[in-house]
Amino acid sequence: MKHLTFNVCAIAGLGFSGLAVLLLLANLVSGNEFVDAILPAAVVSLVVGGAFSVRARLLSAKGHGPAKR
């Protein structure tokens, strides 16, 4: 299995967190019509995004982060 790089983890964390925001905005626009499905999906998306962000932070702390110029 291929190890995830800093860039992959950072972009995945940002993507999942952005998806959670979009889901919550969709919930707002729909007037809480689908709150039973959208809210749990947003929470799961935030948890996954947070996990990827933590992994990216750990990789950065170990010296596998982006190269400094």
C-alpha atoms as a PDB file:
ATOM      1  CA  MET A   1       0.000   0.000   0.000  1.00  0.00           C
ATOM      2  CA  LYS A   2       1.339   3.403  -0.945  1.00  0.00           C
ATOM      3  CA  HIS A   3       1.986   5.834   1.899  1.00  0.00           C
ATOM      4  CA  LEU A   4       0.096   9.105   1.769  1.00  0.00           C
ATOM      5  CA  THR A   5       2.206  12.207   1.227  1.00  0.00           C
ATOM      6  CA  PHE A   6       1.805  15.554   2.942  1.00  0.00           C
ATOM      7  CA  ASN A   7       0.188  17.097  -0.138  1.00  0.00           C
ATOM      8  CA  VAL A   8      -2.356  14.301  -0.499  1.00  0.00           C
ATOM      9  CA  CYS A   9      -3.323  14.502   3.175  1.00  0.00           C
ATOM     10  CA  ALA A  10      -3.559  18.292   3.171  1.00  0.00           C
ATOM     11  CA  ILE A  11      -5.696  18.426   0.027  1.00  0.00           C
ATOM     12  CA  ALA A  12      -7.941  15.587   1.226  1.00  0.00           C
ATOM     13  CA  GLY A  13      -8.411  17.304   4.598  1.00  0.00           C
ATOM     14  CA  LEU A  14      -9.328  20.565   2.916  1.00  0.00           C
ATOM     15  CA  GLY A  15     -11.641  18.784   0.472  1.00  0.00           C
ATOM     16  CA  PHE A  16     -13.562  16.877   3.133  1.00  0.00           C
ATOM     17  CA  SER A  17     -13.873  19.968   5.330  1.00  0.00           C
ATOM     18  CA  GLY A  18     -15.135  21.940   2.338  1.00  0.00           C
ATOM     19  CA  LEU A  19     -17.624  19.185   1.575  1.00  0.00           C
ATOM     20  CA  ALA A  20     -18.972  19.473   5.125  1.00  0.00           C
ATOM     21  CA  VAL A  21     -19.463  23.215   4.672  1.00  0.00           C
ATOM     22  CA  LEU A  22     -21.231  22.647   1.344  1.00  0.00           C
ATOM     23  CA  LEU A  23     -23.506  20.050   2.927  1.00  0.00           C
ATOM     24  CA  LEU A  24     -24.412  22.434   5.737  1.00  0.00           C
ATOM     25  CA  LEU A  25     -25.115  25.186   3.207  1.00  0.00           C
ATOM     26  CA  ALA A  26     -27.315  22.779   1.249  1.00  0.00           C
ATOM     27  CA  ASN A  27     -29.142  22.032   4.479  1.00  0.00           C
ATOM     28  CA  LEU A  28     -29.664  25.760   5.025  1.00  0.00           C
ATOM     29  CA  VAL A  29     -30.926  26.327   1.483  1.00  0.00           C
ATOM     30  CA  SER A  30     -33.320  23.382   1.648  1.00  0.00           C
ATOM     31  CA  GLY A  31     -34.831  24.683   4.866  1.00  0.00           C
ATOM     32  CA  ASN A  32     -33.786  21.640   6.925  1.00  0.00           C
ATOM     33  CA  GLU A  33     -35.748  19.389   4.570  1.00  0.00           C
ATOM     34  CA  PHE A  34     -33.087  16.654   4.550  1.00  0.00           C
ATOM     35  CA  VAL A  35     -31.540  17.277   7.968  1.00  0.00           C
ATOM     36  CA  ASP A  36     -31.730  13.579   8.884  1.00  0.00           C
ATOM     37  CA  ALA A  37     -29.367  12.675   6.048  1.00  0.00           C
ATOM     38  CA  ILE A  38     -27.287  15.822   5.539  1.00  0.00           C
ATOM     39  CA  LEU A  39     -26.259  16.470   9.136  1.00  0.00           C
ATOM     40  CA  PRO A  40     -24.713  13.021   9.786  1.00  0.00           C
ATOM     41  CA  ALA A  41     -22.942  13.172   6.414  1.00  0.00           C
ATOM     42  CA  ALA A  42     -21.512  16.597   7.308  1.00  0.00           C
ATOM     43  CA  VAL A  43     -20.295  15.339  10.686  1.00  0.00           C
ATOM     44  CA  VAL A  44     -18.616  12.313   9.098  1.00  0.00           C
ATOM     45  CA  SER A  45     -17.041  14.561   6.483  1.00  0.00           C
ATOM     46  CA  LEU A  46     -15.665  16.856   9.205  1.00  0.00           C
ATOM     47  CA  VAL A  47     -14.229  13.913  11.129  1.00  0.00           C
ATOM     48  CA  VAL A  48     -12.532  12.483   8.031  1.00  0.00           C
ATOM     49  CA  GLY A  49     -11.229  15.921   7.048  1.00  0.00           C
ATOM     50  CA  GLY A  50      -9.891  16.445  10.541  1.00  0.00           C
ATOM     51  CA  ALA A  51      -8.151  13.078  10.487  1.00  0.00           C
ATOM     52  CA  PHE A  52      -6.451  13.910   7.199  1.00  0.00           C
ATOM     53  CA  SER A  53      -5.439  17.322   8.539  1.00  0.00           C
ATOM     54  CA  VAL A  54      -3.915  15.766  11.643  1.00  0.00           C
ATOM     55  CA  ARG A  55      -2.028  13.271   9.475  1.00  0.00           C
ATOM     56  CA  ALA A  56      -0.709  16.119   7.316  1.00  0.00           C
ATOM     57  CA  ARG A  57       0.401  17.978  10.453  1.00  0.00           C
ATOM     58  CA  LEU A  58       2.205  14.893  11.755  1.00  0.00           C
ATOM     59  CA  LEU A  59       3.952  14.402   8.418  1.00  0.00           C
ATOM     60  CA  SER A  60       5.000  18.042   8.459  1.00  0.00           C
ATOM     61  CA  ALA A  61       6.360  17.720  11.996  1.00  0.00           C
ATOM     62  CA  LYS A  62       8.395  14.660  10.991  1.00  0.00           C
ATOM     63  CA  GLY A  63      10.030  16.631   8.191  1.00  0.00           C
ATOM     64  CA  HIS A  64       8.021  15.200   5.306  1.00  0.00           C
ATOM     65  CA  GLY A  65       6.103  18.412   4.719  1.00  0.00           C
ATOM     66  CA  PRO A  66       6.460  20.878   1.872  1.00  0.00           C
ATOM     67  CA  ALA A  67       9.985  21.989   1.039  1.00  0.00           C
ATOM     68  CA  LYS A  68      10.938  25.430   2.342  1.00  0.00           C
ATOM     69  CA  ARG A  69      12.292  27.900  -0.148  1.00  0.00           C
END
